Amino acid sequence: MLKIVNCNLRTKFIIYFFTISISANSQNLELNFSQANFDSNNCCWRKLANSGQYIEAANLVVMYLKKGNVSNKQSLNWHASQLFAMAGDNKMALKYLNKSSNIFHYWFGGSDGKTWYLYVHGVKAFIKRDRKKLNDIINLWNKKYPVDLNYKQLVLLSSNWNKTYLEASK
């Protein structure tokens, strides 16, 4: 945040208002981006997340979900959940995790849909601190589906059980 010193109250207010206006206009611009641009590695919420501003990044994703040019809600809900989890806001993380997958993925999504469903529920188990459920999901996956990055992430979460999501997921 901008630190304003050696100014009278009126000048401080003008500088503060100008800073807020620039920030709001920047966010409005980002809301007009296509989801591909908004979700790119060199833009928007990813820049915030890469600098450790997880809550700000999550809130930007949520704002985009509400007012942006959304083409894939599931993906954005997943990113919001992950960002909230990294910030330690497990209640909000679970809210958006619940929106990132549903039973239809498991029933009708083929192998990819089933593993996505298991991955989301494994992350939920970690956040809810349900180790048995997480290990059951890992065991089911290990028996029925090919190992992929999401499976490895669940194993990583399980092996770092006593850490926060942010610490365990790295």
N, C-alpha and C. Protein backbone atom coordinates (compact mmCIF):
# COMPACT_ATOMS: atom_id res chain seq x y z
N MET A 1 0.85 -1.19 0.00
CA MET A 1 0.00 0.00 0.00
C MET A 1 0.87 1.23 0.00
N LEU A 2 0.44 2.25 -0.63
CA LEU A 2 1.14 3.51 -0.74
C LEU A 2 1.18 4.20 0.62
N LYS A 3 2.38 4.59 1.07
CA LYS A 3 2.51 5.31 2.33
C LYS A 3 2.60 6.79 2.02
N ILE A 4 1.70 7.55 2.59
CA ILE A 4 1.62 8.98 2.32
C ILE A 4 2.06 9.73 3.58
N VAL A 5 3.13 10.52 3.46
CA VAL A 5 3.64 11.29 4.60
C VAL A 5 3.82 12.74 4.16
N ASN A 6 3.95 13.61 5.15
CA ASN A 6 4.23 15.03 4.92
C ASN A 6 3.23 15.69 3.97
N CYS A 7 1.96 15.36 4.11
CA CYS A 7 0.91 15.97 3.28
C CYS A 7 -0.23 16.38 4.20
N ASN A 8 -0.99 17.37 3.76
CA ASN A 8 -2.18 17.71 4.53
C ASN A 8 -3.27 16.67 4.24
N LEU A 9 -4.31 16.70 5.03
CA LEU A 9 -5.38 15.70 4.91
C LEU A 9 -6.02 15.71 3.54
N ARG A 10 -6.26 16.90 2.97
CA ARG A 10 -6.88 17.00 1.65
C ARG A 10 -6.01 16.33 0.58
N THR A 11 -4.72 16.58 0.60
CA THR A 11 -3.80 15.99 -0.37
C THR A 11 -3.76 14.47 -0.21
N LYS A 12 -3.73 14.01 1.05
CA LYS A 12 -3.74 12.56 1.30
C LYS A 12 -5.00 11.92 0.71
N PHE A 13 -6.15 12.58 0.90
CA PHE A 13 -7.41 12.06 0.37
C PHE A 13 -7.37 11.98 -1.15
N ILE A 14 -6.86 13.01 -1.79
CA ILE A 14 -6.79 13.04 -3.27
C ILE A 14 -5.88 11.91 -3.77
N ILE A 15 -4.73 11.75 -3.14
CA ILE A 15 -3.81 10.69 -3.55
C ILE A 15 -4.44 9.32 -3.33
N TYR A 16 -5.09 9.14 -2.17
CA TYR A 16 -5.74 7.86 -1.87
C TYR A 16 -6.85 7.57 -2.88
N PHE A 17 -7.70 8.56 -3.16
CA PHE A 17 -8.80 8.38 -4.11
C PHE A 17 -8.26 8.05 -5.51
N PHE A 18 -7.20 8.73 -5.93
CA PHE A 18 -6.59 8.47 -7.23
C PHE A 18 -6.05 7.05 -7.31
N THR A 19 -5.40 6.59 -6.23
CA THR A 19 -4.86 5.22 -6.18
C THR A 19 -5.98 4.18 -6.27
N ILE A 20 -7.06 4.40 -5.53
CA ILE A 20 -8.21 3.49 -5.56
C ILE A 20 -8.83 3.48 -6.95
N SER A 21 -8.95 4.63 -7.59
CA SER A 21 -9.54 4.71 -8.93
C SER A 21 -8.71 3.94 -9.94
N ILE A 22 -7.39 4.08 -9.88
CA ILE A 22 -6.52 3.34 -10.79
C ILE A 22 -6.69 1.85 -10.58
N SER A 23 -6.73 1.42 -9.31
CA SER A 23 -6.89 -0.01 -9.00
C SER A 23 -8.23 -0.53 -9.52
N ALA A 24 -9.30 0.21 -9.29
CA ALA A 24 -10.63 -0.21 -9.75
C ALA A 24 -10.68 -0.29 -11.27
N ASN A 25 -10.11 0.70 -11.94
CA ASN A 25 -10.10 0.68 -13.41
C ASN A 25 -9.29 -0.49 -13.94
N SER A 26 -8.20 -0.80 -13.27
CA SER A 26 -7.37 -1.94 -13.68
C SER A 26 -8.16 -3.24 -13.54
N GLN A 27 -8.88 -3.39 -12.42
CA GLN A 27 -9.68 -4.60 -12.23
C GLN A 27 -10.83 -4.68 -13.23
N ASN A 28 -11.47 -3.55 -13.52
CA ASN A 28 -12.54 -3.56 -14.51
C ASN A 28 -12.01 -3.96 -15.88
N LEU A 29 -10.82 -3.51 -16.22
CA LEU A 29 -10.19 -3.90 -17.48
C LEU A 29 -9.98 -5.41 -17.51
N GLU A 30 -9.49 -5.97 -16.40
CA GLU A 30 -9.26 -7.41 -16.32
C GLU A 30 -10.55 -8.20 -16.46
N LEU A 31 -11.66 -7.64 -15.99
CA LEU A 31 -12.94 -8.33 -16.08
C LEU A 31 -13.44 -8.39 -17.52
N ASN A 32 -12.94 -7.51 -18.38
CA ASN A 32 -13.33 -7.52 -19.78
C ASN A 32 -12.48 -8.47 -20.62
N PHE A 33 -11.42 -9.02 -20.05
CA PHE A 33 -10.58 -9.97 -20.78
C PHE A 33 -11.35 -11.26 -21.04
N SER A 34 -10.97 -11.95 -22.11
CA SER A 34 -11.48 -13.31 -22.29
C SER A 34 -10.92 -14.16 -21.16
N GLN A 35 -11.55 -15.29 -20.88
CA GLN A 35 -11.05 -16.14 -19.81
C GLN A 35 -9.64 -16.63 -20.11
N ALA A 36 -9.34 -16.89 -21.36
CA ALA A 36 -7.99 -17.34 -21.72
C ALA A 36 -6.95 -16.29 -21.34
N ASN A 37 -7.24 -15.01 -21.58
CA ASN A 37 -6.32 -13.94 -21.19
C ASN A 37 -6.28 -13.76 -19.68
N PHE A 38 -7.45 -13.76 -19.06
CA PHE A 38 -7.54 -13.59 -17.61
C PHE A 38 -6.77 -14.70 -16.88
N ASP A 39 -6.79 -15.89 -17.45
CA ASP A 39 -6.21 -17.08 -16.83
C ASP A 39 -4.76 -17.32 -17.26
N SER A 40 -4.21 -16.44 -18.08
CA SER A 40 -2.85 -16.67 -18.59
C SER A 40 -1.80 -16.44 -17.51
N ASN A 41 -0.62 -16.96 -17.74
CA ASN A 41 0.46 -16.91 -16.75
C ASN A 41 0.98 -15.50 -16.48
N ASN A 42 0.79 -14.58 -17.39
CA ASN A 42 1.37 -13.24 -17.21
C ASN A 42 0.31 -12.19 -16.93
N CYS A 43 -0.82 -12.59 -16.39
CA CYS A 43 -1.91 -11.65 -16.16
C CYS A 43 -2.58 -11.88 -14.82
N CYS A 44 -3.20 -10.87 -14.38
CA CYS A 44 -4.31 -10.89 -13.44
C CYS A 44 -4.04 -11.65 -12.16
N TRP A 45 -4.89 -12.66 -11.90
CA TRP A 45 -4.82 -13.36 -10.62
C TRP A 45 -3.52 -14.14 -10.48
N ARG A 46 -2.97 -14.66 -11.55
CA ARG A 46 -1.72 -15.42 -11.44
C ARG A 46 -0.56 -14.53 -11.00
N LYS A 47 -0.54 -13.29 -11.46
CA LYS A 47 0.50 -12.36 -11.01
C LYS A 47 0.38 -12.14 -9.50
N LEU A 48 -0.83 -11.94 -9.03
CA LEU A 48 -1.04 -11.76 -7.59
C LEU A 48 -0.62 -13.01 -6.82
N ALA A 49 -1.03 -14.17 -7.30
CA ALA A 49 -0.69 -15.43 -6.61
C ALA A 49 0.81 -15.65 -6.60
N ASN A 50 1.47 -15.37 -7.70
CA ASN A 50 2.92 -15.57 -7.77
C ASN A 50 3.68 -14.67 -6.81
N SER A 51 3.05 -13.57 -6.39
CA SER A 51 3.69 -12.69 -5.42
C SER A 51 3.17 -12.95 -4.00
N GLY A 52 2.43 -14.07 -3.82
CA GLY A 52 1.96 -14.44 -2.49
C GLY A 52 0.69 -13.74 -2.04
N GLN A 53 0.03 -13.03 -2.92
CA GLN A 53 -1.20 -12.31 -2.58
C GLN A 53 -2.41 -13.21 -2.90
N TYR A 54 -2.54 -14.28 -2.12
CA TYR A 54 -3.52 -15.31 -2.42
C TYR A 54 -4.97 -14.84 -2.24
N ILE A 55 -5.25 -14.10 -1.18
CA ILE A 55 -6.62 -13.61 -0.97
C ILE A 55 -7.01 -12.64 -2.07
N GLU A 56 -6.11 -11.74 -2.41
CA GLU A 56 -6.39 -10.78 -3.47
C GLU A 56 -6.64 -11.51 -4.80
N ALA A 57 -5.81 -12.51 -5.08
CA ALA A 57 -5.98 -13.29 -6.31
C ALA A 57 -7.31 -14.04 -6.30
N ALA A 58 -7.64 -14.66 -5.16
CA ALA A 58 -8.90 -15.39 -5.05
C ALA A 58 -10.09 -14.45 -5.26
N ASN A 59 -10.03 -13.30 -4.63
CA ASN A 59 -11.14 -12.34 -4.77
C ASN A 59 -11.27 -11.83 -6.20
N LEU A 60 -10.15 -11.69 -6.90
CA LEU A 60 -10.21 -11.29 -8.30
C LEU A 60 -10.87 -12.38 -9.15
N VAL A 61 -10.55 -13.64 -8.87
CA VAL A 61 -11.18 -14.75 -9.59
C VAL A 61 -12.69 -14.76 -9.30
N VAL A 62 -13.05 -14.58 -8.05
CA VAL A 62 -14.48 -14.55 -7.69
C VAL A 62 -15.19 -13.40 -8.40
N MET A 63 -14.55 -12.23 -8.45
CA MET A 63 -15.14 -11.09 -9.16
C MET A 63 -15.30 -11.42 -10.64
N TYR A 64 -14.29 -12.08 -11.22
CA TYR A 64 -14.37 -12.46 -12.63
C TYR A 64 -15.51 -13.46 -12.84
N LEU A 65 -15.67 -14.39 -11.92
CA LEU A 65 -16.78 -15.35 -12.02
C LEU A 65 -18.13 -14.63 -12.06
N LYS A 66 -18.24 -13.54 -11.31
CA LYS A 66 -19.51 -12.81 -11.22
C LYS A 66 -19.72 -11.86 -12.40
N LYS A 67 -18.63 -11.22 -12.87
CA LYS A 67 -18.80 -10.14 -13.83
C LYS A 67 -17.98 -10.29 -15.11
N GLY A 68 -17.18 -11.33 -15.21
CA GLY A 68 -16.29 -11.47 -16.35
C GLY A 68 -16.89 -12.26 -17.50
N ASN A 69 -16.07 -12.46 -18.49
CA ASN A 69 -16.45 -13.19 -19.69
C ASN A 69 -16.11 -14.67 -19.49
N VAL A 70 -16.86 -15.35 -18.64
CA VAL A 70 -16.56 -16.71 -18.19
C VAL A 70 -16.95 -17.74 -19.24
N SER A 71 -16.00 -18.62 -19.55
CA SER A 71 -16.29 -19.73 -20.46
C SER A 71 -16.14 -21.08 -19.77
N ASN A 72 -15.49 -21.12 -18.61
CA ASN A 72 -15.30 -22.38 -17.89
C ASN A 72 -15.37 -22.11 -16.38
N LYS A 73 -16.58 -22.16 -15.83
CA LYS A 73 -16.79 -21.89 -14.40
C LYS A 73 -16.06 -22.90 -13.52
N GLN A 74 -16.06 -24.15 -13.94
CA GLN A 74 -15.42 -25.21 -13.14
C GLN A 74 -13.96 -24.87 -12.88
N SER A 75 -13.26 -24.47 -13.91
CA SER A 75 -11.84 -24.14 -13.79
C SER A 75 -11.63 -22.96 -12.85
N LEU A 76 -12.41 -21.90 -13.03
CA LEU A 76 -12.25 -20.73 -12.18
C LEU A 76 -12.62 -21.02 -10.73
N ASN A 77 -13.66 -21.83 -10.52
CA ASN A 77 -14.01 -22.22 -9.16
C ASN A 77 -12.86 -23.01 -8.51
N TRP A 78 -12.23 -23.88 -9.30
CA TRP A 78 -11.08 -24.62 -8.79
C TRP A 78 -9.96 -23.66 -8.39
N HIS A 79 -9.64 -22.71 -9.26
CA HIS A 79 -8.56 -21.77 -8.96
C HIS A 79 -8.89 -20.94 -7.72
N ALA A 80 -10.13 -20.48 -7.60
CA ALA A 80 -10.53 -19.73 -6.42
C ALA A 80 -10.35 -20.58 -5.16
N SER A 81 -10.78 -21.84 -5.23
CA SER A 81 -10.66 -22.72 -4.06
C SER A 81 -9.20 -22.92 -3.67
N GLN A 82 -8.36 -23.14 -4.65
CA GLN A 82 -6.95 -23.36 -4.38
C GLN A 82 -6.31 -22.11 -3.77
N LEU A 83 -6.65 -20.95 -4.29
CA LEU A 83 -6.10 -19.70 -3.76
C LEU A 83 -6.57 -19.44 -2.34
N PHE A 84 -7.85 -19.66 -2.06
CA PHE A 84 -8.34 -19.50 -0.69
C PHE A 84 -7.65 -20.49 0.24
N ALA A 85 -7.45 -21.73 -0.21
CA ALA A 85 -6.76 -22.73 0.61
C ALA A 85 -5.33 -22.29 0.89
N MET A 86 -4.66 -21.76 -0.11
CA MET A 86 -3.28 -21.30 0.08
C MET A 86 -3.22 -20.15 1.08
N ALA A 87 -4.27 -19.34 1.12
CA ALA A 87 -4.34 -18.23 2.07
C ALA A 87 -4.77 -18.69 3.46
N GLY A 88 -5.17 -19.95 3.58
CA GLY A 88 -5.61 -20.47 4.88
C GLY A 88 -7.07 -20.24 5.17
N ASP A 89 -7.84 -19.79 4.19
CA ASP A 89 -9.28 -19.59 4.38
C ASP A 89 -10.00 -20.85 3.91
N ASN A 90 -10.03 -21.84 4.78
CA ASN A 90 -10.57 -23.15 4.41
C ASN A 90 -12.07 -23.13 4.14
N LYS A 91 -12.80 -22.27 4.84
CA LYS A 91 -14.25 -22.19 4.61
C LYS A 91 -14.53 -21.76 3.17
N MET A 92 -13.84 -20.72 2.71
CA MET A 92 -14.04 -20.26 1.33
C MET A 92 -13.47 -21.28 0.34
N ALA A 93 -12.37 -21.91 0.70
CA ALA A 93 -11.79 -22.93 -0.19
C ALA A 93 -12.80 -24.04 -0.43
N LEU A 94 -13.45 -24.49 0.62
CA LEU A 94 -14.44 -25.57 0.47
C LEU A 94 -15.66 -25.10 -0.33
N LYS A 95 -16.06 -23.86 -0.14
CA LYS A 95 -17.20 -23.32 -0.90
C LYS A 95 -16.93 -23.43 -2.40
N TYR A 96 -15.74 -23.04 -2.83
CA TYR A 96 -15.43 -23.06 -4.26
C TYR A 96 -15.02 -24.46 -4.74
N LEU A 97 -14.47 -25.28 -3.87
CA LEU A 97 -14.21 -26.68 -4.24
C LEU A 97 -15.51 -27.38 -4.58
N ASN A 98 -16.54 -27.11 -3.80
CA ASN A 98 -17.84 -27.73 -4.05
C ASN A 98 -18.43 -27.34 -5.40
N LYS A 99 -18.00 -26.20 -5.93
CA LYS A 99 -18.49 -25.75 -7.24
C LYS A 99 -17.61 -26.21 -8.39
N SER A 100 -16.49 -26.86 -8.08
CA SER A 100 -15.54 -27.21 -9.14
C SER A 100 -15.70 -28.64 -9.65
N SER A 101 -16.57 -29.41 -9.03
CA SER A 101 -16.82 -30.78 -9.49
C SER A 101 -18.17 -31.24 -8.96
N ASN A 102 -18.73 -32.22 -9.65
CA ASN A 102 -19.98 -32.82 -9.16
C ASN A 102 -20.00 -34.29 -9.56
N ILE A 103 -20.98 -34.98 -9.07
CA ILE A 103 -21.08 -36.43 -9.28
C ILE A 103 -21.20 -36.80 -10.76
N PHE A 104 -21.69 -35.86 -11.58
CA PHE A 104 -21.81 -36.14 -13.01
C PHE A 104 -20.45 -36.32 -13.67
N HIS A 105 -19.44 -35.63 -13.14
CA HIS A 105 -18.07 -35.85 -13.64
C HIS A 105 -17.68 -37.31 -13.42
N TYR A 106 -18.03 -37.81 -12.26
CA TYR A 106 -17.66 -39.19 -11.92
C TYR A 106 -18.48 -40.19 -12.76
N TRP A 107 -19.77 -39.93 -12.87
CA TRP A 107 -20.65 -40.87 -13.57
C TRP A 107 -20.44 -40.87 -15.09
N PHE A 108 -20.29 -39.70 -15.67
CA PHE A 108 -20.32 -39.59 -17.12
C PHE A 108 -19.04 -39.04 -17.75
N GLY A 109 -18.04 -38.74 -16.95
CA GLY A 109 -16.86 -38.08 -17.46
C GLY A 109 -15.73 -38.98 -17.90
N GLY A 110 -16.00 -40.28 -17.98
CA GLY A 110 -14.93 -41.19 -18.35
C GLY A 110 -13.83 -41.19 -17.30
N SER A 111 -12.68 -41.68 -17.67
CA SER A 111 -11.56 -41.76 -16.73
C SER A 111 -11.13 -40.38 -16.25
N ASP A 112 -11.10 -39.40 -17.15
CA ASP A 112 -10.71 -38.04 -16.75
C ASP A 112 -11.70 -37.44 -15.76
N GLY A 113 -12.97 -37.63 -16.00
CA GLY A 113 -14.00 -37.11 -15.10
C GLY A 113 -13.93 -37.77 -13.73
N LYS A 114 -13.70 -39.07 -13.73
CA LYS A 114 -13.60 -39.79 -12.46
C LYS A 114 -12.39 -39.33 -11.66
N THR A 115 -11.24 -39.20 -12.32
CA THR A 115 -10.05 -38.78 -11.59
C THR A 115 -10.15 -37.32 -11.14
N TRP A 116 -10.78 -36.46 -11.94
CA TRP A 116 -10.98 -35.08 -11.50
C TRP A 116 -11.85 -35.05 -10.24
N TYR A 117 -12.93 -35.82 -10.25
CA TYR A 117 -13.82 -35.91 -9.10
C TYR A 117 -13.04 -36.39 -7.87
N LEU A 118 -12.23 -37.42 -8.05
CA LEU A 118 -11.44 -37.95 -6.93
C LEU A 118 -10.42 -36.91 -6.44
N TYR A 119 -9.81 -36.21 -7.37
CA TYR A 119 -8.83 -35.19 -6.99
C TYR A 119 -9.48 -34.10 -6.14
N VAL A 120 -10.58 -33.57 -6.61
CA VAL A 120 -11.28 -32.51 -5.86
C VAL A 120 -11.66 -33.02 -4.48
N HIS A 121 -12.19 -34.23 -4.40
CA HIS A 121 -12.60 -34.77 -3.10
C HIS A 121 -11.41 -35.11 -2.22
N GLY A 122 -10.29 -35.45 -2.81
CA GLY A 122 -9.08 -35.67 -2.03
C GLY A 122 -8.57 -34.37 -1.41
N VAL A 123 -8.60 -33.30 -2.20
CA VAL A 123 -8.20 -31.99 -1.67
C VAL A 123 -9.17 -31.57 -0.57
N LYS A 124 -10.46 -31.80 -0.77
CA LYS A 124 -11.45 -31.50 0.26
C LYS A 124 -11.14 -32.26 1.55
N ALA A 125 -10.80 -33.54 1.41
CA ALA A 125 -10.47 -34.36 2.59
C ALA A 125 -9.27 -33.77 3.32
N PHE A 126 -8.28 -33.32 2.57
CA PHE A 126 -7.11 -32.71 3.22
C PHE A 126 -7.53 -31.45 3.98
N ILE A 127 -8.29 -30.60 3.34
CA ILE A 127 -8.70 -29.34 3.98
C ILE A 127 -9.58 -29.62 5.20
N LYS A 128 -10.44 -30.62 5.10
CA LYS A 128 -11.31 -30.97 6.23
C LYS A 128 -10.59 -31.79 7.29
N ARG A 129 -9.35 -32.16 7.02
CA ARG A 129 -8.50 -32.95 7.93
C ARG A 129 -9.05 -34.37 8.12
N ASP A 130 -9.55 -34.95 7.04
CA ASP A 130 -10.07 -36.32 7.05
C ASP A 130 -9.05 -37.22 6.35
N ARG A 131 -8.07 -37.65 7.11
CA ARG A 131 -6.97 -38.43 6.54
C ARG A 131 -7.44 -39.77 5.98
N LYS A 132 -8.38 -40.41 6.66
CA LYS A 132 -8.88 -41.69 6.19
C LYS A 132 -9.48 -41.55 4.80
N LYS A 133 -10.30 -40.54 4.60
CA LYS A 133 -10.93 -40.33 3.29
C LYS A 133 -9.87 -40.05 2.23
N LEU A 134 -8.90 -39.21 2.54
CA LEU A 134 -7.84 -38.92 1.58
C LEU A 134 -7.09 -40.20 1.20
N ASN A 135 -6.75 -41.00 2.17
CA ASN A 135 -6.04 -42.25 1.87
C ASN A 135 -6.92 -43.24 1.11
N ASP A 136 -8.20 -43.28 1.41
CA ASP A 136 -9.12 -44.14 0.65
C ASP A 136 -9.18 -43.71 -0.82
N ILE A 137 -9.20 -42.42 -1.06
CA ILE A 137 -9.23 -41.90 -2.43
C ILE A 137 -7.93 -42.26 -3.15
N ILE A 138 -6.80 -42.08 -2.48
CA ILE A 138 -5.51 -42.43 -3.08
C ILE A 138 -5.46 -43.92 -3.41
N ASN A 139 -5.93 -44.75 -2.49
CA ASN A 139 -5.92 -46.21 -2.73
C ASN A 139 -6.83 -46.60 -3.89
N LEU A 140 -8.03 -46.02 -3.95
CA LEU A 140 -8.95 -46.29 -5.06
C LEU A 140 -8.31 -45.87 -6.38
N TRP A 141 -7.74 -44.69 -6.41
CA TRP A 141 -7.09 -44.18 -7.62
C TRP A 141 -5.96 -45.11 -8.03
N ASN A 142 -5.17 -45.51 -7.08
CA ASN A 142 -4.01 -46.37 -7.35
C ASN A 142 -4.43 -47.70 -7.97
N LYS A 143 -5.59 -48.21 -7.59
CA LYS A 143 -6.08 -49.50 -8.09
C LYS A 143 -6.73 -49.39 -9.46
N LYS A 144 -7.40 -48.25 -9.74
CA LYS A 144 -8.26 -48.18 -10.93
C LYS A 144 -7.79 -47.23 -12.03
N TYR A 145 -6.97 -46.25 -11.71
CA TYR A 145 -6.67 -45.20 -12.68
C TYR A 145 -5.18 -44.98 -12.81
N PRO A 146 -4.75 -44.45 -13.95
CA PRO A 146 -3.32 -44.21 -14.13
C PRO A 146 -2.82 -43.06 -13.24
N VAL A 147 -1.58 -43.18 -12.84
CA VAL A 147 -0.95 -42.13 -12.05
C VAL A 147 -0.77 -40.89 -12.94
N ASP A 148 -1.16 -39.73 -12.41
CA ASP A 148 -0.94 -38.47 -13.12
C ASP A 148 -0.52 -37.41 -12.10
N LEU A 149 -0.41 -36.18 -12.53
CA LEU A 149 0.03 -35.11 -11.63
C LEU A 149 -0.93 -34.89 -10.46
N ASN A 150 -2.22 -35.02 -10.72
CA ASN A 150 -3.19 -34.82 -9.64
C ASN A 150 -3.08 -35.93 -8.59
N TYR A 151 -2.88 -37.15 -9.02
CA TYR A 151 -2.66 -38.26 -8.09
C TYR A 151 -1.42 -37.97 -7.24
N LYS A 152 -0.35 -37.55 -7.89
CA LYS A 152 0.90 -37.25 -7.17
C LYS A 152 0.69 -36.11 -6.18
N GLN A 153 -0.16 -35.15 -6.53
CA GLN A 153 -0.46 -34.05 -5.62
C GLN A 153 -1.19 -34.55 -4.38
N LEU A 154 -2.13 -35.49 -4.55
CA LEU A 154 -2.83 -36.05 -3.40
C LEU A 154 -1.86 -36.82 -2.49
N VAL A 155 -0.95 -37.56 -3.10
CA VAL A 155 0.06 -38.28 -2.32
C VAL A 155 0.93 -37.29 -1.55
N LEU A 156 1.29 -36.19 -2.20
CA LEU A 156 2.08 -35.14 -1.55
C LEU A 156 1.32 -34.55 -0.36
N LEU A 157 0.04 -34.28 -0.54
CA LEU A 157 -0.77 -33.76 0.57
C LEU A 157 -0.80 -34.75 1.72
N SER A 158 -0.98 -36.01 1.40
CA SER A 158 -1.02 -37.04 2.44
C SER A 158 0.31 -37.15 3.17
N SER A 159 1.40 -37.06 2.44
CA SER A 159 2.72 -37.20 3.08
C SER A 159 3.14 -35.95 3.86
N ASN A 160 2.42 -34.86 3.65
CA ASN A 160 2.67 -33.62 4.39
C ASN A 160 1.46 -33.26 5.24
N TRP A 161 0.89 -34.25 5.86
CA TRP A 161 -0.38 -34.13 6.55
C TRP A 161 -0.40 -33.01 7.60
N ASN A 162 0.65 -32.82 8.33
CA ASN A 162 0.65 -31.86 9.43
C ASN A 162 0.99 -30.44 9.00
N LYS A 163 0.98 -30.19 7.72
CA LYS A 163 1.29 -28.86 7.20
C LYS A 163 0.02 -28.19 6.68
N THR A 164 0.12 -26.90 6.44
CA THR A 164 -0.99 -26.18 5.81
C THR A 164 -1.07 -26.59 4.35
N TYR A 165 -2.16 -26.24 3.72
CA TYR A 165 -2.30 -26.56 2.28
C TYR A 165 -1.18 -25.92 1.48
N LEU A 166 -0.87 -24.68 1.79
CA LEU A 166 0.20 -23.98 1.08
C LEU A 166 1.53 -24.72 1.23
N GLU A 167 1.86 -25.10 2.44
CA GLU A 167 3.12 -25.80 2.68
C GLU A 167 3.10 -27.20 2.07
N ALA A 168 1.99 -27.89 2.22
CA ALA A 168 1.90 -29.29 1.79
C ALA A 168 1.86 -29.45 0.28
N SER A 169 1.38 -28.44 -0.42
CA SER A 169 1.17 -28.59 -1.86
C SER A 169 2.39 -28.21 -2.68
N LYS A 170 3.46 -27.86 -2.03
CA LYS A 170 4.67 -27.45 -2.77
C LYS A 170 5.72 -28.54 -2.77
